[in-house]
Amino acid sequence: MSLLDPRFWAGAFLALVLTFGLGYGAGDLHRLRAERSHALQAKVAAAQTETRQANVSAQVIDQAAQAQTRIQTVFRDRILYRDREVPHEIVVHDDAACRIPGRFVGMWNSANRAELPTAAGLLDEAASGVVLSDVEAQHEREAEAFHSNARQLKDLQDWVTQQEEAAKPQ
């Protein structure tokens, strides 16, 4: 066979094409395996992150429930403590004798609604139907709600911080 023979060149070209095709196919298979491996690693990492975040969420939910119980217990204890320390007859007597002025009730309600009181409401000196025990009970409810909201905000901030930490790759 000579170098001028077309069969020689056709065979050489065919061998070159087959070699290139096999190399390309092997490289493509390697790339596909690497992509699958990376995808599997990403899924495993995502599952681990999700598990860590779920654990953090469960811990924060438990802490929040315990904090709510403590807040309610504190305010329940305060009320019971007041009832035990002060004789009931004196409280009822003083409560009935002391009427809250209408301007105080108006200012209290305005403050609770985050509004400015009206000028006409500030001039009202007439006694309202509100008594001291009503003011005290409302104050206790508002204080309990404040502490509950503050605790929920703190728990939310802790949860966000812990979620960010759990989301970091390890």
C-alpha atoms as a PDB file:
ATOM      1  CA  MET A   1       0.000   0.000   0.000  1.00  0.00           C
ATOM      2  CA  SER A   2       1.325   3.352  -0.912  1.00  0.00           C
ATOM      3  CA  LEU A   3       0.771   6.774   0.508  1.00  0.00           C
ATOM      4  CA  LEU A   4      -1.055   7.758  -2.624  1.00  0.00           C
ATOM      5  CA  ASP A   5      -3.632   5.033  -2.227  1.00  0.00           C
ATOM      6  CA  PRO A   6      -7.068   6.511  -1.362  1.00  0.00           C
ATOM      7  CA  ARG A   7      -7.959   3.474   0.758  1.00  0.00           C
ATOM      8  CA  PHE A   8      -4.999   4.252   3.033  1.00  0.00           C
ATOM      9  CA  TRP A   9      -6.151   7.819   3.535  1.00  0.00           C
ATOM     10  CA  ALA A  10      -9.771   6.729   4.022  1.00  0.00           C
ATOM     11  CA  GLY A  11      -8.693   4.195   6.639  1.00  0.00           C
ATOM     12  CA  ALA A  12      -6.493   6.762   8.399  1.00  0.00           C
ATOM     13  CA  PHE A  13      -9.333   9.288   8.332  1.00  0.00           C
ATOM     14  CA  LEU A  14     -11.780   6.675   9.638  1.00  0.00           C
ATOM     15  CA  ALA A  15      -9.358   5.738  12.447  1.00  0.00           C
ATOM     16  CA  LEU A  16      -8.928   9.410  13.324  1.00  0.00           C
ATOM     17  CA  VAL A  17     -12.710   9.991  13.397  1.00  0.00           C
ATOM     18  CA  LEU A  18     -13.259   6.884  15.544  1.00  0.00           C
ATOM     19  CA  THR A  19     -10.516   7.911  17.955  1.00  0.00           C
ATOM     20  CA  PHE A  20     -11.917  11.427  18.222  1.00  0.00           C
ATOM     21  CA  GLY A  21     -15.470  10.080  18.681  1.00  0.00           C
ATOM     22  CA  LEU A  22     -14.421   7.633  21.401  1.00  0.00           C
ATOM     23  CA  GLY A  23     -12.462  10.343  23.213  1.00  0.00           C
ATOM     24  CA  TYR A  24     -15.350  12.782  22.958  1.00  0.00           C
ATOM     25  CA  GLY A  25     -17.819  10.141  24.158  1.00  0.00           C
ATOM     26  CA  ALA A  26     -15.596   9.173  27.101  1.00  0.00           C
ATOM     27  CA  GLY A  27     -15.209  12.857  28.051  1.00  0.00           C
ATOM     28  CA  ASP A  28     -18.960  13.367  27.798  1.00  0.00           C
ATOM     29  CA  LEU A  29     -19.612  10.336  30.020  1.00  0.00           C
ATOM     30  CA  HIS A  30     -17.084  11.640  32.533  1.00  0.00           C
ATOM     31  CA  ARG A  31     -18.788  15.065  32.505  1.00  0.00           C
ATOM     32  CA  LEU A  32     -22.219  13.487  33.042  1.00  0.00           C
ATOM     33  CA  ARG A  33     -20.907  11.407  35.962  1.00  0.00           C
ATOM     34  CA  ALA A  34     -19.301  14.481  37.515  1.00  0.00           C
ATOM     35  CA  GLU A  35     -22.544  16.470  37.133  1.00  0.00           C
ATOM     36  CA  ARG A  36     -24.547  13.661  38.735  1.00  0.00           C
ATOM     37  CA  SER A  37     -22.045  13.460  41.560  1.00  0.00           C
ATOM     38  CA  HIS A  38     -22.223  17.224  42.152  1.00  0.00           C
ATOM     39  CA  ALA A  39     -26.025  17.154  41.992  1.00  0.00           C
ATOM     40  CA  LEU A  40     -26.128  14.308  44.505  1.00  0.00           C
ATOM     41  CA  GLN A  41     -23.730  16.165  46.814  1.00  0.00           C
ATOM     42  CA  ALA A  42     -25.870  19.306  46.516  1.00  0.00           C
ATOM     43  CA  LYS A  43     -29.009  17.305  47.384  1.00  0.00           C
ATOM     44  CA  VAL A  44     -27.291  15.759  50.400  1.00  0.00           C
ATOM     45  CA  ALA A  45     -26.039  19.181  51.548  1.00  0.00           C
ATOM     46  CA  ALA A  46     -29.529  20.674  51.054  1.00  0.00           C
ATOM     47  CA  ALA A  47     -31.098  17.827  53.024  1.00  0.00           C
ATOM     48  CA  GLN A  48     -28.585  18.279  55.852  1.00  0.00           C
ATOM     49  CA  THR A  49     -29.202  22.035  55.888  1.00  0.00           C
ATOM     50  CA  GLU A  50     -32.947  21.482  55.908  1.00  0.00           C
ATOM     51  CA  THR A  51     -32.600  19.021  58.792  1.00  0.00           C
ATOM     52  CA  ARG A  52     -30.452  21.452  60.789  1.00  0.00           C
ATOM     53  CA  GLN A  53     -32.926  24.281  60.135  1.00  0.00           C
ATOM     54  CA  ALA A  54     -35.863  22.067  61.148  1.00  0.00           C
ATOM     55  CA  ASN A  55     -34.050  21.191  64.391  1.00  0.00           C
ATOM     56  CA  VAL A  56     -33.405  24.887  65.055  1.00  0.00           C
ATOM     57  CA  SER A  57     -37.065  25.690  64.385  1.00  0.00           C
ATOM     58  CA  ALA A  58     -38.208  22.951  66.755  1.00  0.00           C
ATOM     59  CA  GLN A  59     -35.890  24.220  69.491  1.00  0.00           C
ATOM     60  CA  VAL A  60     -37.100  27.800  69.063  1.00  0.00           C
ATOM     61  CA  ILE A  61     -40.745  26.678  69.130  1.00  0.00           C
ATOM     62  CA  ASP A  62     -40.115  24.771  72.371  1.00  0.00           C
ATOM     63  CA  GLN A  63     -38.323  27.754  73.905  1.00  0.00           C
ATOM     64  CA  ALA A  64     -41.157  30.079  72.849  1.00  0.00           C
ATOM     65  CA  ALA A  65     -43.778  27.798  74.386  1.00  0.00           C
ATOM     66  CA  GLN A  66     -41.808  27.631  77.631  1.00  0.00           C
ATOM     67  CA  ALA A  67     -41.373  31.420  77.637  1.00  0.00           C
ATOM     68  CA  GLN A  68     -45.116  31.952  77.103  1.00  0.00           C
ATOM     69  CA  THR A  69     -45.859  29.618  79.996  1.00  0.00           C
ATOM     70  CA  ARG A  70     -43.411  31.515  82.207  1.00  0.00           C
ATOM     71  CA  ILE A  71     -44.922  34.893  81.204  1.00  0.00           C
ATOM     72  CA  GLN A  72     -48.456  33.709  81.915  1.00  0.00           C
ATOM     73  CA  THR A  73     -47.345  32.157  85.195  1.00  0.00           C
ATOM     74  CA  VAL A  74     -45.620  35.370  86.287  1.00  0.00           C
ATOM     75  CA  PHE A  75     -48.711  37.454  85.640  1.00  0.00           C
ATOM     76  CA  ARG A  76     -51.013  34.850  87.141  1.00  0.00           C
ATOM     77  CA  ASP A  77     -48.769  34.815  90.242  1.00  0.00           C
ATOM     78  CA  ARG A  78     -48.810  38.603  90.442  1.00  0.00           C
ATOM     79  CA  ILE A  79     -52.586  38.699  90.476  1.00  0.00           C
ATOM     80  CA  LEU A  80     -52.775  35.919  93.066  1.00  0.00           C
ATOM     81  CA  TYR A  81     -50.129  37.638  95.160  1.00  0.00           C
ATOM     82  CA  ARG A  82     -52.116  40.880  95.167  1.00  0.00           C
ATOM     83  CA  ASP A  83     -55.300  39.040  96.106  1.00  0.00           C
ATOM     84  CA  ARG A  84     -53.536  37.296  98.990  1.00  0.00           C
ATOM     85  CA  GLU A  85     -51.758  40.342 100.354  1.00  0.00           C
ATOM     86  CA  VAL A  86     -54.549  42.925 100.285  1.00  0.00           C
ATOM     87  CA  PRO A  87     -57.806  42.124 102.110  1.00  0.00           C
ATOM     88  CA  HIS A  88     -60.672  41.888  99.648  1.00  0.00           C
ATOM     89  CA  GLU A  89     -63.048  44.159 101.618  1.00  0.00           C
ATOM     90  CA  ILE A  90     -60.670  47.122 101.531  1.00  0.00           C
ATOM     91  CA  VAL A  91     -60.041  46.749  97.824  1.00  0.00           C
ATOM     92  CA  VAL A  92     -63.763  46.590  97.075  1.00  0.00           C
ATOM     93  CA  HIS A  93     -64.439  49.588  99.346  1.00  0.00           C
ATOM     94  CA  ASP A  94     -61.640  51.710  97.833  1.00  0.00           C
ATOM     95  CA  ASP A  95     -62.498  50.533  94.377  1.00  0.00           C
ATOM     96  CA  ALA A  96     -66.115  51.681  94.686  1.00  0.00           C
ATOM     97  CA  ALA A  97     -65.120  54.990  96.285  1.00  0.00           C
ATOM     98  CA  CYS A  98     -62.572  56.004  93.644  1.00  0.00           C
ATOM     99  CA  ARG A  99     -63.953  56.837  90.230  1.00  0.00           C
ATOM    100  CA  ILE A 100     -61.552  57.550  87.390  1.00  0.00           C
ATOM    101  CA  PRO A 101     -62.047  60.895  85.576  1.00  0.00           C
ATOM    102  CA  GLY A 102     -63.156  60.791  81.958  1.00  0.00           C
ATOM    103  CA  ARG A 103     -60.022  62.602  80.764  1.00  0.00           C
ATOM    104  CA  PHE A 104     -57.819  59.819  82.166  1.00  0.00           C
ATOM    105  CA  VAL A 105     -59.909  57.202  80.384  1.00  0.00           C
ATOM    106  CA  GLY A 106     -59.699  59.219  77.144  1.00  0.00           C
ATOM    107  CA  MET A 107     -55.930  59.609  77.419  1.00  0.00           C
ATOM    108  CA  TRP A 108     -55.506  55.919  78.295  1.00  0.00           C
ATOM    109  CA  ASN A 109     -57.567  54.852  75.294  1.00  0.00           C
ATOM    110  CA  SER A 110     -55.740  57.308  73.006  1.00  0.00           C
ATOM    111  CA  ALA A 111     -52.385  56.007  74.179  1.00  0.00           C
ATOM    112  CA  ASN A 112     -53.470  52.409  73.572  1.00  0.00           C
ATOM    113  CA  ARG A 113     -54.529  53.319  70.034  1.00  0.00           C
ATOM    114  CA  ALA A 114     -51.303  55.373  69.502  1.00  0.00           C
ATOM    115  CA  GLU A 115     -53.321  58.540  68.853  1.00  0.00           C
ATOM    116  CA  LEU A 116     -53.147  62.047  70.232  1.00  0.00           C
ATOM    117  CA  PRO A 117     -55.978  62.810  72.669  1.00  0.00           C
ATOM    118  CA  THR A 118     -58.547  65.399  71.643  1.00  0.00           C
ATOM    119  CA  ALA A 119     -58.569  68.741  73.441  1.00  0.00           C
ATOM    120  CA  ALA A 120     -62.212  68.290  74.432  1.00  0.00           C
ATOM    121  CA  GLY A 121     -61.413  64.969  76.108  1.00  0.00           C
ATOM    122  CA  LEU A 122     -58.728  66.625  78.240  1.00  0.00           C
ATOM    123  CA  LEU A 123     -61.308  68.981  79.791  1.00  0.00           C
ATOM    124  CA  ASP A 124     -63.696  66.244  80.898  1.00  0.00           C
ATOM    125  CA  GLU A 125     -63.630  66.122  84.706  1.00  0.00           C
ATOM    126  CA  ALA A 126     -66.752  63.996  85.076  1.00  0.00           C
ATOM    127  CA  ALA A 127     -66.380  60.596  86.678  1.00  0.00           C
ATOM    128  CA  SER A 128     -66.372  57.709  84.251  1.00  0.00           C
ATOM    129  CA  GLY A 129     -67.734  54.232  84.817  1.00  0.00           C
ATOM    130  CA  VAL A 130     -64.169  52.928  85.147  1.00  0.00           C
ATOM    131  CA  VAL A 131     -62.849  51.964  88.589  1.00  0.00           C
ATOM    132  CA  LEU A 132     -59.332  51.296  89.879  1.00  0.00           C
ATOM    133  CA  SER A 133     -59.585  47.531  89.554  1.00  0.00           C
ATOM    134  CA  ASP A 134     -60.494  47.924  85.861  1.00  0.00           C
ATOM    135  CA  VAL A 135     -57.395  50.064  85.271  1.00  0.00           C
ATOM    136  CA  GLU A 136     -55.219  47.592  87.149  1.00  0.00           C
ATOM    137  CA  ALA A 137     -56.641  44.602  85.267  1.00  0.00           C
ATOM    138  CA  GLN A 138     -56.173  46.360  81.918  1.00  0.00           C
ATOM    139  CA  HIS A 139     -52.614  47.294  82.855  1.00  0.00           C
ATOM    140  CA  GLU A 140     -51.846  43.662  83.732  1.00  0.00           C
ATOM    141  CA  ARG A 141     -53.264  42.468  80.392  1.00  0.00           C
ATOM    142  CA  GLU A 142     -51.231  45.045  78.494  1.00  0.00           C
ATOM    143  CA  ALA A 143     -48.048  44.244  80.420  1.00  0.00           C
ATOM    144  CA  GLU A 144     -48.535  40.528  79.724  1.00  0.00           C
ATOM    145  CA  ALA A 145     -49.137  41.256  76.017  1.00  0.00           C
ATOM    146  CA  PHE A 146     -46.013  43.456  75.926  1.00  0.00           C
ATOM    147  CA  HIS A 147     -43.825  40.790  77.492  1.00  0.00           C
ATOM    148  CA  SER A 148     -45.321  38.155  75.213  1.00  0.00           C
ATOM    149  CA  ASN A 149     -44.654  40.263  72.086  1.00  0.00           C
ATOM    150  CA  ALA A 150     -41.129  41.111  73.242  1.00  0.00           C
ATOM    151  CA  ARG A 151     -40.393  37.422  73.818  1.00  0.00           C
ATOM    152  CA  GLN A 152     -41.797  36.490  70.406  1.00  0.00           C
ATOM    153  CA  LEU A 153     -39.613  39.137  68.744  1.00  0.00           C
ATOM    154  CA  LYS A 154     -36.521  37.891  70.578  1.00  0.00           C
ATOM    155  CA  ASP A 155     -37.357  34.303  69.621  1.00  0.00           C
ATOM    156  CA  LEU A 156     -37.822  35.358  65.984  1.00  0.00           C
ATOM    157  CA  GLN A 157     -34.461  37.126  65.978  1.00  0.00           C
ATOM    158  CA  ASP A 158     -32.810  34.052  67.498  1.00  0.00           C
ATOM    159  CA  TRP A 159     -34.526  31.811  64.952  1.00  0.00           C
ATOM    160  CA  VAL A 160     -33.313  33.913  62.015  1.00  0.00           C
ATOM    161  CA  THR A 161     -29.752  33.939  63.368  1.00  0.00           C
ATOM    162  CA  GLN A 162     -29.793  30.181  63.943  1.00  0.00           C
ATOM    163  CA  GLN A 163     -31.290  29.548  60.481  1.00  0.00           C
ATOM    164  CA  GLU A 164     -28.447  31.537  58.909  1.00  0.00           C
ATOM    165  CA  GLU A 165     -25.912  29.511  60.918  1.00  0.00           C
ATOM    166  CA  ALA A 166     -27.603  26.231  59.964  1.00  0.00           C
ATOM    167  CA  ALA A 167     -27.684  27.213  56.300  1.00  0.00           C
ATOM    168  CA  LYS A 168     -23.908  27.691  56.163  1.00  0.00           C
ATOM    169  CA  PRO A 169     -22.193  24.733  54.501  1.00  0.00           C
ATOM    170  CA  GLN A 170     -20.162  22.587  56.840  1.00  0.00           C
END
